[in-house]
Amino acid sequence: MVHNGGITDDDIEDGYILACCSNAIGKVTIEA
């Protein structure tokens, strides 16, 4: 995931993203 900041490394390690300012670089699965 490429992002423009605004999220901590701990949050990223926990699997969180900021979808408003991120670009997927591979397959993405969304669970609803």
PDB file of N, CA and C in Angstrom:
ATOM      1  N   MET A   1       0.857  -1.177   0.000  1.00  0.00           N
ATOM      2  CA  MET A   1       0.000   0.000   0.000  1.00  0.00           C
ATOM      3  C   MET A   1       0.898   1.233   0.000  1.00  0.00           C
ATOM      4  N   VAL A   2       0.648   2.118  -0.893  1.00  0.00           N
ATOM      5  CA  VAL A   2       1.346   3.400  -0.939  1.00  0.00           C
ATOM      6  C   VAL A   2       0.416   4.432  -0.319  1.00  0.00           C
ATOM      7  N   HIS A   3       0.932   5.219   0.629  1.00  0.00           N
ATOM      8  CA  HIS A   3       0.075   6.206   1.274  1.00  0.00           C
ATOM      9  C   HIS A   3       0.815   7.532   1.433  1.00  0.00           C
ATOM     10  N   ASN A   4       0.074   8.572   1.777  1.00  0.00           N
ATOM     11  CA  ASN A   4       0.624   9.918   1.905  1.00  0.00           C
ATOM     12  C   ASN A   4       0.725  10.373   3.353  1.00  0.00           C
ATOM     13  N   GLY A   5       0.878   9.453   4.276  1.00  0.00           N
ATOM     14  CA  GLY A   5       1.014   9.803   5.686  1.00  0.00           C
ATOM     15  C   GLY A   5      -0.324   9.884   6.377  1.00  0.00           C
ATOM     16  N   GLY A   6      -0.297  10.332   7.648  1.00  0.00           N
ATOM     17  CA  GLY A   6      -1.522  10.474   8.406  1.00  0.00           C
ATOM     18  C   GLY A   6      -1.918   9.214   9.158  1.00  0.00           C
ATOM     19  N   ILE A   7      -1.073   8.190   9.117  1.00  0.00           N
ATOM     20  CA  ILE A   7      -1.357   6.938   9.812  1.00  0.00           C
ATOM     21  C   ILE A   7      -0.050   6.452  10.446  1.00  0.00           C
ATOM     22  N   THR A   8      -0.174   5.896  11.644  1.00  0.00           N
ATOM     23  CA  THR A   8       1.026   5.452  12.346  1.00  0.00           C
ATOM     24  C   THR A   8       1.471   4.079  11.853  1.00  0.00           C
ATOM     25  N   ASP A   9       2.740   3.774  12.041  1.00  0.00           N
ATOM     26  CA  ASP A   9       3.257   2.456  11.668  1.00  0.00           C
ATOM     27  C   ASP A   9       2.538   1.356  12.445  1.00  0.00           C
ATOM     28  N   ASP A  10       2.178   1.633  13.709  1.00  0.00           N
ATOM     29  CA  ASP A  10       1.454   0.642  14.508  1.00  0.00           C
ATOM     30  C   ASP A  10       0.098   0.325  13.884  1.00  0.00           C
ATOM     31  N   ASP A  11      -0.616   1.351  13.408  1.00  0.00           N
ATOM     32  CA  ASP A  11      -1.914   1.128  12.758  1.00  0.00           C
ATOM     33  C   ASP A  11      -1.752   0.312  11.481  1.00  0.00           C
ATOM     34  N   ILE A  12      -0.719   0.595  10.721  1.00  0.00           N
ATOM     35  CA  ILE A  12      -0.459  -0.151   9.485  1.00  0.00           C
ATOM     36  C   ILE A  12      -0.173  -1.610   9.822  1.00  0.00           C
ATOM     37  N   GLU A  13       0.633  -1.863  10.857  1.00  0.00           N
ATOM     38  CA  GLU A  13       0.935  -3.229  11.273  1.00  0.00           C
ATOM     39  C   GLU A  13      -0.320  -3.963  11.729  1.00  0.00           C
ATOM     40  N   ASP A  14      -1.296  -3.221  12.285  1.00  0.00           N
ATOM     41  CA  ASP A  14      -2.560  -3.814  12.720  1.00  0.00           C
ATOM     42  C   ASP A  14      -3.532  -4.019  11.567  1.00  0.00           C
ATOM     43  N   GLY A  15      -3.142  -3.610  10.341  1.00  0.00           N
ATOM     44  CA  GLY A  15      -3.967  -3.860   9.167  1.00  0.00           C
ATOM     45  C   GLY A  15      -4.862  -2.704   8.753  1.00  0.00           C
ATOM     46  N   TYR A  16      -4.718  -1.547   9.420  1.00  0.00           N
ATOM     47  CA  TYR A  16      -5.540  -0.393   9.060  1.00  0.00           C
ATOM     48  C   TYR A  16      -4.933   0.368   7.887  1.00  0.00           C
ATOM     49  N   ILE A  17      -5.811   1.047   7.116  1.00  0.00           N
ATOM     50  CA  ILE A  17      -5.363   1.920   6.033  1.00  0.00           C
ATOM     51  C   ILE A  17      -6.199   3.189   6.061  1.00  0.00           C
ATOM     52  N   LEU A  18      -5.747   4.214   5.378  1.00  0.00           N
ATOM     53  CA  LEU A  18      -6.542   5.413   5.135  1.00  0.00           C
ATOM     54  C   LEU A  18      -6.921   5.383   3.663  1.00  0.00           C
ATOM     55  N   ALA A  19      -8.110   4.868   3.389  1.00  0.00           N
ATOM     56  CA  ALA A  19      -8.538   4.672   2.000  1.00  0.00           C
ATOM     57  C   ALA A  19      -8.634   5.986   1.234  1.00  0.00           C
ATOM     58  N   CYS A  20      -8.828   7.095   1.926  1.00  0.00           N
ATOM     59  CA  CYS A  20      -8.984   8.386   1.251  1.00  0.00           C
ATOM     60  C   CYS A  20      -7.688   8.865   0.607  1.00  0.00           C
ATOM     61  N   CYS A  21      -6.543   8.350   1.056  1.00  0.00           N
ATOM     62  CA  CYS A  21      -5.272   8.841   0.496  1.00  0.00           C
ATOM     63  C   CYS A  21      -4.286   7.694   0.279  1.00  0.00           C
ATOM     64  N   SER A  22      -4.804   6.536  -0.116  1.00  0.00           N
ATOM     65  CA  SER A  22      -3.958   5.367  -0.377  1.00  0.00           C
ATOM     66  C   SER A  22      -4.250   4.808  -1.758  1.00  0.00           C
ATOM     67  N   ASN A  23      -3.260   4.144  -2.314  1.00  0.00           N
ATOM     68  CA  ASN A  23      -3.403   3.493  -3.615  1.00  0.00           C
ATOM     69  C   ASN A  23      -2.946   2.052  -3.481  1.00  0.00           C
ATOM     70  N   ALA A  24      -3.833   1.140  -3.808  1.00  0.00           N
ATOM     71  CA  ALA A  24      -3.465  -0.281  -3.757  1.00  0.00           C
ATOM     72  C   ALA A  24      -2.452  -0.601  -4.841  1.00  0.00           C
ATOM     73  N   ILE A  25      -1.488  -1.461  -4.515  1.00  0.00           N
ATOM     74  CA  ILE A  25      -0.482  -1.861  -5.497  1.00  0.00           C
ATOM     75  C   ILE A  25      -0.601  -3.353  -5.812  1.00  0.00           C
ATOM     76  N   GLY A  26      -1.696  -3.966  -5.379  1.00  0.00           N
ATOM     77  CA  GLY A  26      -1.957  -5.382  -5.631  1.00  0.00           C
ATOM     78  C   GLY A  26      -3.443  -5.655  -5.494  1.00  0.00           C
ATOM     79  N   LYS A  27      -3.793  -6.935  -5.385  1.00  0.00           N
ATOM     80  CA  LYS A  27      -5.189  -7.320  -5.220  1.00  0.00           C
ATOM     81  C   LYS A  27      -5.708  -6.848  -3.867  1.00  0.00           C
ATOM     82  N   VAL A  28      -6.948  -6.376  -3.846  1.00  0.00           N
ATOM     83  CA  VAL A  28      -7.579  -5.905  -2.625  1.00  0.00           C
ATOM     84  C   VAL A  28      -8.882  -6.671  -2.425  1.00  0.00           C
ATOM     85  N   THR A  29      -9.112  -7.125  -1.200  1.00  0.00           N
ATOM     86  CA  THR A  29     -10.354  -7.804  -0.841  1.00  0.00           C
ATOM     87  C   THR A  29     -11.053  -6.982   0.227  1.00  0.00           C
ATOM     88  N   ILE A  30     -12.336  -6.713   0.021  1.00  0.00           N
ATOM     89  CA  ILE A  30     -13.127  -5.939   0.977  1.00  0.00           C
ATOM     90  C   ILE A  30     -14.158  -6.853   1.595  1.00  0.00           C
ATOM     91  N   GLU A  31     -14.167  -6.910   2.928  1.00  0.00           N
ATOM     92  CA  GLU A  31     -15.160  -7.689   3.650  1.00  0.00           C
ATOM     93  C   GLU A  31     -16.259  -6.757   4.108  1.00  0.00           C
ATOM     94  N   ALA A  32     -17.506  -7.117   3.829  1.00  0.00           N
ATOM     95  CA  ALA A  32     -18.626  -6.265   4.233  1.00  0.00           C
ATOM     96  C   ALA A  32     -19.543  -6.988   5.181  1.00  0.00           C
TER      97      ALA A  32
END
